[in-house]
Protein backbone atom coordinates (compact mmCIF):
# COMPACT_ATOMS: atom_id res chain seq x y z
CA GLY A 1 -3.73 -22.37 6.64
CA VAL A 2 -1.13 -24.56 5.54
CA LYS A 3 0.11 -22.16 2.53
CA PHE A 4 0.71 -18.33 1.76
CA GLN A 5 -0.37 -17.01 -1.74
CA TYR A 6 -0.40 -13.23 -2.86
CA ALA A 7 -4.17 -12.62 -4.36
CA ASN A 8 -5.76 -9.59 -4.32
CA ILE A 9 -9.12 -11.12 -3.48
CA ASN A 10 -7.55 -11.73 0.11
CA TYR A 11 -8.20 -8.13 0.83
CA THR A 12 -11.56 -8.00 -0.58
CA ILE A 13 -12.58 -10.75 1.38
CA ALA A 14 -10.17 -9.04 4.22
CA GLY A 15 -11.85 -5.81 3.49
CA ILE A 16 -15.62 -6.75 3.82
CA MET A 17 -15.14 -8.62 6.90
CA LEU A 18 -13.53 -5.92 9.02
CA THR A 19 -16.42 -3.56 7.52
CA ARG A 20 -18.76 -5.88 8.90
CA VAL A 21 -17.04 -6.39 12.20
CA LEU A 22 -16.66 -3.20 12.62
CA LYS A 23 -20.59 -1.97 11.60
CA SER A 24 -21.03 -4.63 14.46
CA VAL A 25 -18.88 -3.61 17.20
CA ASN A 26 -18.53 0.13 16.41
CA HIS A 27 -21.48 1.08 14.57
CA GLU A 28 -18.99 2.17 12.19
CA ASP A 29 -20.90 3.07 8.99
CA SER A 30 -17.99 2.76 6.42
CA PHE A 31 -14.62 1.18 5.72
CA SER A 32 -13.54 4.96 5.34
CA LYS A 33 -14.42 6.63 8.48
CA ALA A 34 -12.89 3.19 10.55
CA LEU A 35 -9.69 3.61 8.13
CA ARG A 36 -9.48 7.61 9.08
CA ARG A 37 -10.16 6.92 12.89
CA TYR A 38 -8.08 3.85 13.55
CA PHE A 39 -5.30 4.24 11.46
CA LEU A 40 -4.96 7.22 9.42
CA LYS A 41 -5.44 9.89 12.27
CA PRO A 42 -3.37 8.25 14.53
CA LEU A 43 -0.19 7.90 12.21
CA ASN A 44 -0.69 11.57 11.40
CA LEU A 45 -1.29 10.30 7.20
CA SER A 46 -3.43 13.87 6.14
CA SER A 47 -3.04 13.14 2.91
CA THR A 48 -4.16 9.51 2.10
CA TYR A 49 -8.23 8.53 1.21
CA PHE A 50 -10.22 5.55 0.85
CA ALA A 51 -11.31 6.24 -2.78
CA GLY A 52 -14.43 5.57 -3.47
CA GLU A 53 -16.15 6.90 -0.38
CA GLU A 54 -13.52 9.82 0.08
CA TYR A 55 -13.15 12.83 -2.05
CA VAL A 56 -9.31 12.53 -2.97
CA GLY A 57 -8.72 15.71 -4.50
CA LYS A 58 -7.82 17.42 -7.90
CA ASN A 59 -4.48 17.55 -7.78
CA LEU A 60 -3.95 13.70 -8.77
CA ALA A 61 -1.54 11.98 -11.11
CA LYS A 62 -3.26 11.23 -14.11
CA GLY A 63 -2.99 7.97 -15.87
CA HIS A 64 -3.47 7.04 -19.43
CA VAL A 65 -3.49 3.57 -21.21
CA ASP A 66 -1.99 3.63 -24.64
CA LEU A 67 -4.69 2.07 -27.51
CA GLY A 68 -2.65 1.95 -30.14
CA ALA A 69 -2.22 3.88 -33.29
CA GLY A 70 -1.64 7.33 -31.62
CA HIS A 71 -4.91 7.07 -29.37
CA ILE A 72 -4.12 7.78 -25.86
CA VAL A 73 -7.01 7.85 -23.20
CA ASN A 74 -6.25 10.12 -19.98
CA TYR A 75 -7.89 8.98 -16.92
CA ILE A 76 -8.01 10.95 -13.02
CA TRP A 77 -8.57 8.29 -9.91
CA PRO A 78 -12.22 8.74 -9.50
CA ASP A 79 -12.68 8.23 -13.53
CA PHE A 80 -11.68 4.24 -13.20
CA HIS A 81 -12.33 3.52 -9.78
CA VAL A 82 -16.19 2.66 -11.04
CA LEU A 83 -14.73 -0.02 -13.62
CA ARG A 84 -13.40 -2.13 -10.33
CA ILE A 85 -14.19 -5.31 -8.99
CA SER A 86 -14.27 -4.73 -5.64
CA ASN A 87 -13.65 -1.20 -3.64
CA PHE A 88 -10.69 -3.11 -1.03
CA PRO A 89 -7.63 -3.74 -2.74
CA GLY A 90 -5.77 -0.66 -4.86
CA SER A 91 -8.02 1.77 -3.20
CA ILE A 92 -5.90 3.67 -1.41
CA ALA A 93 -5.17 7.32 -2.92
CA SER A 94 -1.92 9.02 -1.30
CA THR A 95 1.28 11.06 -1.53
CA PRO A 96 4.87 10.01 -1.17
CA GLU A 97 5.36 11.70 2.38
CA ASP A 98 2.47 9.70 3.76
CA LEU A 99 3.38 6.74 2.03
CA SER A 100 6.95 6.94 3.52
CA ARG A 101 5.38 7.82 6.99
CA TRP A 102 3.38 4.57 6.53
CA ALA A 103 6.24 2.51 5.98
CA GLU A 104 8.00 3.86 8.81
CA ALA A 105 5.12 2.73 11.05
CA LEU A 106 4.57 -0.60 9.27
CA TRP A 107 8.10 -1.99 9.09
CA GLY A 108 10.15 -0.01 11.40
CA TYR A 109 13.27 2.72 11.04
CA ASN A 110 16.42 1.67 12.34
CA GLN A 111 15.47 -1.79 13.30
CA SER A 112 12.73 -0.47 15.80
CA GLY A 113 9.87 -2.23 15.66
CA SER A 114 6.29 -1.87 14.10
CA GLU A 115 4.01 1.04 15.33
CA ILE A 116 1.08 -1.03 13.96
CA LEU A 117 2.29 -4.71 14.38
CA SER A 118 3.50 -7.30 17.12
CA ASP A 119 7.15 -7.85 17.07
CA GLU A 120 5.81 -11.46 16.38
CA SER A 121 3.29 -10.28 13.31
CA LEU A 122 6.53 -7.85 11.97
CA ARG A 123 8.83 -10.88 12.36
CA GLU A 124 6.23 -13.22 10.73
CA MET A 125 5.55 -10.33 7.52
CA LEU A 126 9.18 -9.99 6.75
CA THR A 127 9.93 -14.02 6.69
CA SER A 128 10.79 -14.38 2.97
CA ASN A 129 8.94 -17.08 0.95
CA ASN A 130 10.72 -16.63 -2.05
CA GLN A 131 11.42 -13.19 -2.06
CA TYR A 132 7.72 -12.62 -0.69
CA GLY A 133 6.33 -12.56 2.94
CA LEU A 134 2.81 -11.63 4.24
CA GLY A 135 2.17 -9.04 2.31
CA THR A 136 5.43 -7.49 1.37
CA GLN A 137 7.99 -8.12 -1.48
CA PHE A 138 11.78 -7.95 -0.59
CA PHE A 139 14.54 -6.49 -3.08
CA ASN A 140 18.36 -6.21 -3.36
CA ILE A 141 19.38 -3.28 -5.35
CA ASP A 142 23.03 -2.52 -6.49
CA ILE A 143 23.73 1.10 -6.28
CA ASP A 144 26.74 2.44 -8.02
CA ILE A 145 27.75 5.28 -4.58
CA GLY A 146 29.82 6.78 -7.49
CA THR A 147 33.57 5.93 -6.28
CA GLY A 148 33.65 2.81 -8.57
CA LEU A 149 32.07 0.60 -5.74
CA ASP A 150 28.80 -1.02 -5.79
CA ILE A 151 26.71 -1.64 -2.95
CA ASP A 152 24.10 -4.02 -2.13
CA VAL A 153 21.06 -2.56 -0.07
CA GLU A 154 18.06 -4.27 1.08
CA PHE A 155 14.48 -3.05 0.77
CA VAL A 156 11.53 -4.15 1.83
CA GLY A 157 8.11 -2.91 0.24
CA HIS A 158 5.20 -2.96 -2.22
CA THR A 159 4.16 -2.80 -5.81
CA GLY A 160 0.74 -2.42 -7.13
CA SER A 161 -1.16 -1.72 -10.37
CA GLU A 162 -4.80 -0.79 -11.52
CA ILE A 163 -5.52 -0.89 -14.72
CA ILE A 164 -3.65 2.86 -15.60
CA TYR A 165 -1.47 3.38 -12.83
CA SER A 166 1.62 1.22 -10.90
CA GLY A 167 3.39 1.99 -8.17
CA LEU A 168 6.39 1.03 -6.13
CA LEU A 169 7.13 1.57 -2.60
CA LEU A 170 10.49 0.59 -1.00
CA HIS A 171 11.38 1.05 2.60
CA ASN A 172 15.19 0.30 4.13
CA ARG A 173 14.87 -0.29 7.59
CA ASP A 174 18.21 0.98 8.70
CA THR A 175 17.88 4.53 7.08
CA GLY A 176 14.18 4.67 6.32
């Protein structure tokens, strides 16, 4: 390709293609089983689920939509999941602990390499294109360390939102 631009439809297409390949090559009958076999289990991400195909538990954070005039509608993940157009972008439910482990495995820790990507792929993913890499955002945050000094800390991460939920994953490659 000539140009990169982030869009959820890219993850929809990638998910459909991956599902077809897995079915033809490994005879996997679902994306969630392949995700669990090749990523979640080897990385010990035992509290991460592919919603829509797996039961995600009953202790999920509740989302809400404020309709105005005091009308607030509460939702839990499975309730709003059926409103989605695609099963791939935004369909992972996880805990902070598993997300931290995923970030470390994906982006590396203490400047170590990725457990998932080749060094070349990680470099490409971390190449900034106006504060955005390939599926990775870059954040510089001023932190007051309490001594009158501010330090500028660099993070990699990703934001996400789905109707009633939003999230932010930040990972400092030096400290984890």
